[in-house]
């Protein structure tokens, strides 16, 4: 994975972690349900963005290398499995 991508991914995950801690506090404080739900959706969006960056890096490095080495079919199966889970 490219160092710059790793930094971006870590920032997204750390931001998500902070937001999750905030959501836990909101639940403990019995805050308004819709506000809690909105915060959960915001965290999901951050995690989705981080995951897409990870998948993008995987395709551009690991999958590309596998095809160059002649065993790209395995990587295609991995990507299809991820897409299948992503679509659910």
C-alpha atoms as a PDB file:
ATOM      1  CA  UNK A   1       0.000   0.000   0.000  1.00  0.00           C
ATOM      2  CA  UNK A   2       1.244   3.485  -0.827  1.00  0.00           C
ATOM      3  CA  UNK A   3       2.325   5.446   2.247  1.00  0.00           C
ATOM      4  CA  UNK A   4       0.070   8.402   1.371  1.00  0.00           C
ATOM      5  CA  UNK A   5      -2.910   6.066   1.040  1.00  0.00           C
ATOM      6  CA  UNK A   6      -2.085   4.481   4.393  1.00  0.00           C
ATOM      7  CA  UNK A   7      -2.084   7.922   5.999  1.00  0.00           C
ATOM      8  CA  UNK A   8      -5.481   8.762   4.512  1.00  0.00           C
ATOM      9  CA  UNK A   9      -6.916   5.412   5.569  1.00  0.00           C
ATOM     10  CA  UNK A  10      -5.571   5.776   9.109  1.00  0.00           C
ATOM     11  CA  UNK A  11      -7.036   9.279   9.350  1.00  0.00           C
ATOM     12  CA  UNK A  12     -10.432   8.002   8.224  1.00  0.00           C
ATOM     13  CA  UNK A  13     -10.310   5.124  10.723  1.00  0.00           C
ATOM     14  CA  UNK A  14      -9.171   7.357  13.588  1.00  0.00           C
ATOM     15  CA  UNK A  15     -11.942   9.830  12.803  1.00  0.00           C
ATOM     16  CA  UNK A  16     -14.416   6.926  12.776  1.00  0.00           C
ATOM     17  CA  UNK A  17     -13.110   5.747  16.131  1.00  0.00           C
ATOM     18  CA  UNK A  18     -13.631   9.222  17.610  1.00  0.00           C
ATOM     19  CA  UNK A  19     -17.134   9.407  16.212  1.00  0.00           C
ATOM     20  CA  UNK A  20     -17.992   5.964  17.587  1.00  0.00           C
ATOM     21  CA  UNK A  21     -16.813   7.079  21.028  1.00  0.00           C
ATOM     22  CA  UNK A  22     -19.071  10.113  20.639  1.00  0.00           C
ATOM     23  CA  UNK A  23     -22.001   7.890  19.649  1.00  0.00           C
ATOM     24  CA  UNK A  24     -21.472   5.726  22.719  1.00  0.00           C
ATOM     25  CA  UNK A  25     -21.613   8.867  24.871  1.00  0.00           C
ATOM     26  CA  UNK A  26     -24.766   9.978  23.071  1.00  0.00           C
ATOM     27  CA  UNK A  27     -26.441   6.638  23.848  1.00  0.00           C
ATOM     28  CA  UNK A  28     -25.282   6.796  27.472  1.00  0.00           C
ATOM     29  CA  UNK A  29     -26.682  10.333  27.732  1.00  0.00           C
ATOM     30  CA  UNK A  30     -29.951   9.140  26.149  1.00  0.00           C
ATOM     31  CA  UNK A  31     -29.725  11.678  23.348  1.00  0.00           C
ATOM     32  CA  UNK A  32     -32.321  11.980  20.609  1.00  0.00           C
ATOM     33  CA  UNK A  33     -32.518   8.789  18.533  1.00  0.00           C
ATOM     34  CA  UNK A  34     -32.438  10.509  15.141  1.00  0.00           C
ATOM     35  CA  UNK A  35     -29.271  12.411  16.102  1.00  0.00           C
ATOM     36  CA  UNK A  36     -27.618   9.128  17.111  1.00  0.00           C
ATOM     37  CA  UNK A  37     -28.717   7.512  13.859  1.00  0.00           C
ATOM     38  CA  UNK A  38     -27.263  10.385  11.814  1.00  0.00           C
ATOM     39  CA  UNK A  39     -23.921   9.972  13.574  1.00  0.00           C
ATOM     40  CA  UNK A  40     -23.952   6.229  12.884  1.00  0.00           C
ATOM     41  CA  UNK A  41     -24.583   6.937   9.193  1.00  0.00           C
ATOM     42  CA  UNK A  42     -21.651   9.377   9.196  1.00  0.00           C
ATOM     43  CA  UNK A  43     -19.344   6.697  10.637  1.00  0.00           C
ATOM     44  CA  UNK A  44     -20.566   4.164   8.088  1.00  0.00           C
ATOM     45  CA  UNK A  45     -19.711   6.624   5.306  1.00  0.00           C
ATOM     46  CA  UNK A  46     -16.181   7.079   6.671  1.00  0.00           C
ATOM     47  CA  UNK A  47     -15.661   3.325   6.960  1.00  0.00           C
ATOM     48  CA  UNK A  48     -16.995   2.829   3.437  1.00  0.00           C
ATOM     49  CA  UNK A  49     -14.557   5.438   2.134  1.00  0.00           C
ATOM     50  CA  UNK A  50     -11.644   3.781   3.971  1.00  0.00           C
ATOM     51  CA  UNK A  51     -12.650   0.381   2.629  1.00  0.00           C
ATOM     52  CA  UNK A  52     -12.848   1.661  -0.947  1.00  0.00           C
ATOM     53  CA  UNK A  53      -9.348   3.131  -0.621  1.00  0.00           C
ATOM     54  CA  UNK A  54      -8.064  -0.218   0.638  1.00  0.00           C
ATOM     55  CA  UNK A  55      -9.755  -2.111  -2.211  1.00  0.00           C
ATOM     56  CA  UNK A  56      -8.450   0.425  -4.740  1.00  0.00           C
ATOM     57  CA  UNK A  57      -4.901  -0.050  -3.465  1.00  0.00           C
ATOM     58  CA  UNK A  58      -5.313  -3.816  -3.545  1.00  0.00           C
ATOM     59  CA  UNK A  59      -6.455  -3.787  -7.166  1.00  0.00           C
ATOM     60  CA  UNK A  60      -3.671  -1.425  -8.249  1.00  0.00           C
ATOM     61  CA  UNK A  61      -0.938  -3.391  -6.512  1.00  0.00           C
ATOM     62  CA  UNK A  62      -1.726  -6.984  -5.501  1.00  0.00           C
ATOM     63  CA  UNK A  63      -4.155  -7.783  -8.320  1.00  0.00           C
ATOM     64  CA  UNK A  64      -1.961  -6.118 -10.941  1.00  0.00           C
ATOM     65  CA  UNK A  65       1.091  -8.043  -9.713  1.00  0.00           C
ATOM     66  CA  UNK A  66      -0.868 -11.327  -9.674  1.00  0.00           C
ATOM     67  CA  UNK A  67      -1.815 -10.844 -13.333  1.00  0.00           C
ATOM     68  CA  UNK A  68       1.782 -10.040 -14.242  1.00  0.00           C
ATOM     69  CA  UNK A  69       2.828 -13.273 -12.519  1.00  0.00           C
ATOM     70  CA  UNK A  70       0.109 -15.275 -14.263  1.00  0.00           C
ATOM     71  CA  UNK A  71      -2.262 -16.042 -11.387  1.00  0.00           C
ATOM     72  CA  UNK A  72      -4.752 -13.203 -11.526  1.00  0.00           C
ATOM     73  CA  UNK A  73      -7.810 -15.453 -11.428  1.00  0.00           C
ATOM     74  CA  UNK A  74      -7.408 -15.960  -7.665  1.00  0.00           C
ATOM     75  CA  UNK A  75      -7.448 -12.217  -7.105  1.00  0.00           C
ATOM     76  CA  UNK A  76     -10.522 -11.784  -9.285  1.00  0.00           C
ATOM     77  CA  UNK A  77     -12.346 -14.281  -7.071  1.00  0.00           C
ATOM     78  CA  UNK A  78     -11.316 -12.265  -3.998  1.00  0.00           C
ATOM     79  CA  UNK A  79     -12.587  -9.027  -5.518  1.00  0.00           C
ATOM     80  CA  UNK A  80     -15.880 -10.634  -6.560  1.00  0.00           C
ATOM     81  CA  UNK A  81     -16.335 -11.928  -3.001  1.00  0.00           C
ATOM     82  CA  UNK A  82     -15.724  -8.444  -1.587  1.00  0.00           C
ATOM     83  CA  UNK A  83     -18.120  -6.851  -4.093  1.00  0.00           C
ATOM     84  CA  UNK A  84     -20.746  -9.450  -3.193  1.00  0.00           C
ATOM     85  CA  UNK A  85     -20.466  -8.597   0.511  1.00  0.00           C
ATOM     86  CA  UNK A  86     -20.384  -4.886  -0.287  1.00  0.00           C
ATOM     87  CA  UNK A  87     -23.598  -5.097  -2.285  1.00  0.00           C
ATOM     88  CA  UNK A  88     -25.568  -6.707   0.554  1.00  0.00           C
END
